[in-house]
Structures are given as C-alpha cells and as structure tokens.
Amino acid sequence: MQNPNLAEVASVELIGTTVLQIQFTLDWSMEDSADLSEKLLLLASAKVIERVQGADLHCIRLQYQDAELLLNFEEYSHSCWLECSTAQDSSGLLAIKELILQSIH
C-alpha cells in the first residue's frame, strides 16, 4: 500500500455471530497492519490487552465495553477480521460493526 493513511474500511460482513470480516479500500501488506489496526482501535475506542506479531499473522486482543475480541490481519489471504473470544462477546462485536458502518456511510 502506498499510503496507509488513505486506506479506509470499504465494507464489513458478519460471518455467523462471532466473526466480522473487514475489507479495506486499498491492498495492504503486513507492514501496514499496525496503521490499519490503530484506525480501527481509535474508531472503537478499544483498549489493547495484548499484541502478537507473527511472520504472516498480526493479532491484537482487545477490550471493548464488556467484550474481549481478537483483531486479526493475515497477510497471505489479505484478510482482516474481528472475532469474539467467547460467544458472550457478540454484543461488543455487533456494536463495533455499527461504529464501522457509520464511519463508511
């Protein structure tokens, strides 16, 4: 990606009740995942609990309201998704989905 500041969320899709797939307006690489994750974390005012950086997977465990979620970036498939730690965290996932949708409309 030439300039991560220009990348915005293009769409979100709820998969089941525990995963939210996120698509961006520009292609991204693993080097861009930190900037993209910061945009999402700021949008949701979420608190980072833990960051795990692998060669092809960047995972952030975060707290949003009473929910614990995992924000994942996987380079090989260029996938980004939020997933619930437990089924009880789905209300937090739905709240973040609404915040993201408001930001792109």
N, C-alpha and C. Protein backbone atom coordinates (compact mmCIF):
# COMPACT_ATOMS: atom_id res chain seq x y z
N MET A 1 0.86 -1.16 0.00
CA MET A 1 0.00 0.00 0.00
C MET A 1 0.90 1.22 0.00
N GLN A 2 0.59 2.16 -0.83
CA GLN A 2 1.45 3.33 -0.95
C GLN A 2 1.35 4.26 0.24
N ASN A 3 0.15 4.51 0.72
CA ASN A 3 -0.03 5.41 1.85
C ASN A 3 -1.14 4.86 2.74
N PRO A 4 -0.81 4.26 3.88
CA PRO A 4 -1.83 3.67 4.73
C PRO A 4 -2.84 4.67 5.26
N ASN A 5 -2.47 5.96 5.29
CA ASN A 5 -3.41 6.97 5.75
C ASN A 5 -4.59 7.13 4.80
N LEU A 6 -4.43 6.70 3.55
CA LEU A 6 -5.52 6.82 2.59
C LEU A 6 -6.45 5.61 2.61
N ALA A 7 -6.06 4.52 3.23
CA ALA A 7 -6.88 3.32 3.29
C ALA A 7 -8.02 3.52 4.28
N GLU A 8 -9.19 3.18 3.85
CA GLU A 8 -10.37 3.25 4.71
C GLU A 8 -11.08 1.91 4.66
N VAL A 9 -11.99 1.69 5.56
CA VAL A 9 -12.79 0.47 5.53
C VAL A 9 -13.76 0.58 4.36
N ALA A 10 -13.75 -0.42 3.51
CA ALA A 10 -14.66 -0.44 2.35
C ALA A 10 -15.96 -1.15 2.70
N SER A 11 -15.86 -2.25 3.47
CA SER A 11 -17.06 -3.00 3.83
C SER A 11 -16.78 -3.89 5.02
N VAL A 12 -17.86 -4.30 5.65
CA VAL A 12 -17.80 -5.27 6.74
C VAL A 12 -18.89 -6.31 6.50
N GLU A 13 -18.59 -7.54 6.89
CA GLU A 13 -19.56 -8.62 6.73
C GLU A 13 -19.53 -9.49 7.97
N LEU A 14 -20.70 -9.64 8.59
CA LEU A 14 -20.81 -10.51 9.74
C LEU A 14 -20.89 -11.95 9.27
N ILE A 15 -20.01 -12.79 9.77
CA ILE A 15 -19.98 -14.21 9.42
C ILE A 15 -20.39 -14.97 10.67
N GLY A 16 -21.56 -15.55 10.63
CA GLY A 16 -22.11 -16.17 11.83
C GLY A 16 -22.40 -15.09 12.85
N THR A 17 -22.19 -15.41 14.09
CA THR A 17 -22.43 -14.41 15.15
C THR A 17 -21.15 -14.00 15.86
N THR A 18 -20.00 -14.57 15.42
CA THR A 18 -18.79 -14.32 16.19
C THR A 18 -17.62 -13.78 15.38
N VAL A 19 -17.81 -13.55 14.07
CA VAL A 19 -16.71 -13.07 13.23
C VAL A 19 -17.21 -11.92 12.35
N LEU A 20 -16.41 -10.86 12.29
CA LEU A 20 -16.70 -9.71 11.43
C LEU A 20 -15.54 -9.55 10.45
N GLN A 21 -15.81 -9.82 9.18
CA GLN A 21 -14.80 -9.69 8.12
C GLN A 21 -14.72 -8.22 7.72
N ILE A 22 -13.52 -7.68 7.58
CA ILE A 22 -13.31 -6.26 7.26
C ILE A 22 -12.50 -6.16 5.97
N GLN A 23 -13.01 -5.39 5.01
CA GLN A 23 -12.30 -5.14 3.75
C GLN A 23 -11.90 -3.67 3.71
N PHE A 24 -10.70 -3.40 3.19
CA PHE A 24 -10.21 -2.04 3.07
C PHE A 24 -10.25 -1.58 1.62
N THR A 25 -10.19 -0.26 1.41
CA THR A 25 -10.27 0.31 0.07
C THR A 25 -9.01 0.09 -0.74
N LEU A 26 -7.89 -0.18 -0.07
CA LEU A 26 -6.61 -0.41 -0.75
C LEU A 26 -6.02 -1.74 -0.33
N ASP A 27 -5.21 -2.33 -1.19
CA ASP A 27 -4.46 -3.53 -0.80
C ASP A 27 -3.46 -3.13 0.29
N TRP A 28 -3.20 -4.05 1.20
CA TRP A 28 -2.29 -3.76 2.31
C TRP A 28 -1.31 -4.92 2.45
N SER A 29 -0.21 -4.61 3.12
CA SER A 29 0.79 -5.63 3.44
C SER A 29 0.90 -5.71 4.96
N MET A 30 1.67 -6.66 5.44
CA MET A 30 1.82 -6.84 6.88
C MET A 30 2.40 -5.58 7.54
N GLU A 31 3.25 -4.86 6.83
CA GLU A 31 3.82 -3.62 7.38
C GLU A 31 2.74 -2.57 7.63
N ASP A 32 1.62 -2.65 6.90
CA ASP A 32 0.53 -1.69 7.05
C ASP A 32 -0.43 -2.05 8.18
N SER A 33 -0.36 -3.28 8.68
CA SER A 33 -1.35 -3.74 9.66
C SER A 33 -1.35 -2.91 10.94
N ALA A 34 -0.21 -2.41 11.36
CA ALA A 34 -0.17 -1.59 12.57
C ALA A 34 -0.98 -0.31 12.39
N ASP A 35 -0.80 0.37 11.26
CA ASP A 35 -1.56 1.60 10.99
C ASP A 35 -3.04 1.32 10.85
N LEU A 36 -3.38 0.24 10.14
CA LEU A 36 -4.78 -0.09 9.94
C LEU A 36 -5.45 -0.49 11.26
N SER A 37 -4.74 -1.23 12.08
CA SER A 37 -5.32 -1.63 13.37
C SER A 37 -5.53 -0.41 14.26
N GLU A 38 -4.61 0.55 14.22
CA GLU A 38 -4.78 1.76 15.02
C GLU A 38 -6.04 2.53 14.60
N LYS A 39 -6.31 2.58 13.30
CA LYS A 39 -7.54 3.24 12.83
C LYS A 39 -8.76 2.57 13.43
N LEU A 40 -8.79 1.24 13.39
CA LEU A 40 -9.94 0.51 13.93
C LEU A 40 -10.04 0.65 15.44
N LEU A 41 -8.91 0.60 16.13
CA LEU A 41 -8.92 0.73 17.59
C LEU A 41 -9.39 2.12 18.02
N LEU A 42 -8.95 3.15 17.31
CA LEU A 42 -9.39 4.51 17.62
C LEU A 42 -10.88 4.69 17.35
N LEU A 43 -11.34 4.13 16.26
CA LEU A 43 -12.76 4.23 15.90
C LEU A 43 -13.63 3.64 17.00
N ALA A 44 -13.21 2.52 17.55
CA ALA A 44 -14.00 1.84 18.57
C ALA A 44 -13.64 2.26 20.00
N SER A 45 -12.61 3.06 20.15
CA SER A 45 -12.10 3.40 21.49
C SER A 45 -11.86 2.14 22.31
N ALA A 46 -11.23 1.16 21.68
CA ALA A 46 -10.96 -0.12 22.32
C ALA A 46 -9.60 -0.08 23.02
N LYS A 47 -9.47 -0.88 24.06
CA LYS A 47 -8.23 -0.97 24.83
C LYS A 47 -7.47 -2.22 24.40
N VAL A 48 -6.20 -2.06 24.07
CA VAL A 48 -5.36 -3.19 23.69
C VAL A 48 -4.93 -3.94 24.95
N ILE A 49 -5.14 -5.24 24.94
CA ILE A 49 -4.72 -6.10 26.04
C ILE A 49 -3.39 -6.76 25.70
N GLU A 50 -3.27 -7.22 24.45
CA GLU A 50 -2.06 -7.94 24.04
C GLU A 50 -1.92 -7.86 22.53
N ARG A 51 -0.68 -7.80 22.06
CA ARG A 51 -0.36 -7.84 20.63
C ARG A 51 0.55 -9.03 20.36
N VAL A 52 0.23 -9.78 19.32
CA VAL A 52 1.06 -10.91 18.91
C VAL A 52 1.38 -10.73 17.44
N GLN A 53 2.66 -10.57 17.13
CA GLN A 53 3.09 -10.35 15.75
C GLN A 53 3.84 -11.57 15.27
N GLY A 54 3.31 -12.23 14.26
CA GLY A 54 4.00 -13.35 13.64
C GLY A 54 4.47 -12.95 12.26
N ALA A 55 5.03 -13.88 11.54
CA ALA A 55 5.53 -13.60 10.20
C ALA A 55 4.40 -13.25 9.24
N ASP A 56 3.26 -13.94 9.35
CA ASP A 56 2.16 -13.69 8.42
C ASP A 56 0.84 -13.40 9.11
N LEU A 57 0.84 -13.30 10.45
CA LEU A 57 -0.38 -13.04 11.21
C LEU A 57 -0.10 -12.02 12.30
N HIS A 58 -0.92 -11.00 12.35
CA HIS A 58 -0.84 -9.99 13.40
C HIS A 58 -2.16 -10.07 14.15
N CYS A 59 -2.10 -10.34 15.45
CA CYS A 59 -3.31 -10.50 16.25
C CYS A 59 -3.26 -9.54 17.43
N ILE A 60 -4.37 -8.86 17.66
CA ILE A 60 -4.49 -7.95 18.79
C ILE A 60 -5.68 -8.38 19.63
N ARG A 61 -5.42 -8.68 20.88
CA ARG A 61 -6.51 -8.99 21.82
C ARG A 61 -6.93 -7.66 22.43
N LEU A 62 -8.21 -7.35 22.33
CA LEU A 62 -8.67 -6.04 22.78
C LEU A 62 -9.92 -6.16 23.63
N GLN A 63 -10.13 -5.11 24.41
CA GLN A 63 -11.31 -4.97 25.26
C GLN A 63 -12.16 -3.85 24.69
N TYR A 64 -13.43 -4.16 24.44
CA TYR A 64 -14.38 -3.13 24.01
C TYR A 64 -15.62 -3.29 24.87
N GLN A 65 -15.93 -2.28 25.65
CA GLN A 65 -17.00 -2.36 26.64
C GLN A 65 -16.75 -3.60 27.49
N ASP A 66 -17.69 -4.53 27.56
CA ASP A 66 -17.51 -5.75 28.36
C ASP A 66 -17.04 -6.92 27.52
N ALA A 67 -16.73 -6.69 26.26
CA ALA A 67 -16.37 -7.78 25.34
C ALA A 67 -14.86 -7.85 25.14
N GLU A 68 -14.37 -9.07 24.98
CA GLU A 68 -12.99 -9.29 24.60
C GLU A 68 -12.99 -9.85 23.19
N LEU A 69 -12.26 -9.18 22.30
CA LEU A 69 -12.25 -9.53 20.88
C LEU A 69 -10.82 -9.69 20.39
N LEU A 70 -10.68 -10.38 19.28
CA LEU A 70 -9.39 -10.54 18.62
C LEU A 70 -9.46 -9.88 17.25
N LEU A 71 -8.55 -8.96 16.99
CA LEU A 71 -8.42 -8.31 15.69
C LEU A 71 -7.26 -8.98 14.98
N ASN A 72 -7.55 -9.59 13.82
CA ASN A 72 -6.55 -10.37 13.10
C ASN A 72 -6.27 -9.81 11.72
N PHE A 73 -5.00 -9.81 11.33
CA PHE A 73 -4.57 -9.49 9.98
C PHE A 73 -3.74 -10.67 9.49
N GLU A 74 -4.14 -11.27 8.38
CA GLU A 74 -3.41 -12.40 7.82
C GLU A 74 -2.94 -12.02 6.43
N GLU A 75 -1.61 -12.02 6.24
CA GLU A 75 -1.03 -11.48 5.02
C GLU A 75 -1.29 -12.32 3.78
N TYR A 76 -1.16 -13.63 3.88
CA TYR A 76 -1.26 -14.47 2.68
C TYR A 76 -2.62 -14.34 1.99
N SER A 77 -3.68 -14.25 2.76
CA SER A 77 -5.02 -14.10 2.17
C SER A 77 -5.47 -12.64 2.15
N HIS A 78 -4.65 -11.74 2.69
CA HIS A 78 -5.01 -10.32 2.83
C HIS A 78 -6.35 -10.17 3.52
N SER A 79 -6.51 -10.94 4.60
CA SER A 79 -7.76 -10.93 5.36
C SER A 79 -7.59 -10.15 6.66
N CYS A 80 -8.65 -9.48 7.01
CA CYS A 80 -8.72 -8.80 8.30
C CYS A 80 -10.07 -9.15 8.89
N TRP A 81 -10.06 -9.56 10.17
CA TRP A 81 -11.32 -9.88 10.80
C TRP A 81 -11.24 -9.69 12.31
N LEU A 82 -12.40 -9.42 12.87
CA LEU A 82 -12.57 -9.34 14.32
C LEU A 82 -13.33 -10.59 14.73
N GLU A 83 -12.91 -11.22 15.81
CA GLU A 83 -13.65 -12.38 16.29
C GLU A 83 -13.82 -12.31 17.79
N CYS A 84 -14.91 -12.91 18.25
CA CYS A 84 -15.21 -12.95 19.68
C CYS A 84 -14.33 -13.97 20.37
N SER A 85 -13.90 -13.65 21.58
CA SER A 85 -13.17 -14.63 22.39
C SER A 85 -14.13 -15.71 22.88
N THR A 86 -15.35 -15.29 23.25
CA THR A 86 -16.40 -16.23 23.65
C THR A 86 -17.70 -15.79 22.99
N ALA A 87 -18.70 -16.66 22.99
CA ALA A 87 -19.99 -16.32 22.39
C ALA A 87 -20.65 -15.14 23.10
N GLN A 88 -20.34 -14.94 24.38
CA GLN A 88 -20.92 -13.84 25.14
C GLN A 88 -20.40 -12.48 24.69
N ASP A 89 -19.34 -12.46 23.89
CA ASP A 89 -18.75 -11.21 23.43
C ASP A 89 -19.40 -10.68 22.15
N SER A 90 -20.42 -11.37 21.64
CA SER A 90 -21.01 -10.99 20.36
C SER A 90 -21.67 -9.61 20.38
N SER A 91 -22.16 -9.17 21.53
CA SER A 91 -22.77 -7.83 21.58
C SER A 91 -21.73 -6.75 21.32
N GLY A 92 -20.52 -6.94 21.81
CA GLY A 92 -19.44 -6.00 21.53
C GLY A 92 -19.06 -5.99 20.07
N LEU A 93 -19.05 -7.17 19.46
CA LEU A 93 -18.75 -7.28 18.03
C LEU A 93 -19.79 -6.54 17.20
N LEU A 94 -21.06 -6.70 17.55
CA LEU A 94 -22.13 -6.01 16.82
C LEU A 94 -22.05 -4.50 17.01
N ALA A 95 -21.66 -4.05 18.20
CA ALA A 95 -21.52 -2.61 18.44
C ALA A 95 -20.39 -2.03 17.59
N ILE A 96 -19.27 -2.74 17.49
CA ILE A 96 -18.16 -2.27 16.65
C ILE A 96 -18.57 -2.28 15.18
N LYS A 97 -19.32 -3.28 14.77
CA LYS A 97 -19.81 -3.31 13.39
C LYS A 97 -20.60 -2.04 13.08
N GLU A 98 -21.48 -1.63 13.97
CA GLU A 98 -22.28 -0.42 13.76
C GLU A 98 -21.40 0.83 13.71
N LEU A 99 -20.38 0.91 14.56
CA LEU A 99 -19.46 2.05 14.53
C LEU A 99 -18.73 2.12 13.19
N ILE A 100 -18.29 0.97 12.69
CA ILE A 100 -17.58 0.95 11.41
C ILE A 100 -18.52 1.35 10.28
N LEU A 101 -19.75 0.80 10.30
CA LEU A 101 -20.71 1.15 9.24
C LEU A 101 -21.02 2.65 9.24
N GLN A 102 -21.13 3.24 10.43
CA GLN A 102 -21.38 4.70 10.50
C GLN A 102 -20.22 5.48 9.92
N SER A 103 -19.00 4.97 10.06
CA SER A 103 -17.84 5.69 9.57
C SER A 103 -17.68 5.61 8.04
N ILE A 104 -18.31 4.61 7.42
CA ILE A 104 -18.15 4.48 5.97
C ILE A 104 -19.37 4.96 5.21
N HIS A 105 -20.42 5.38 5.89
CA HIS A 105 -21.61 5.89 5.20
C HIS A 105 -21.79 7.36 5.39
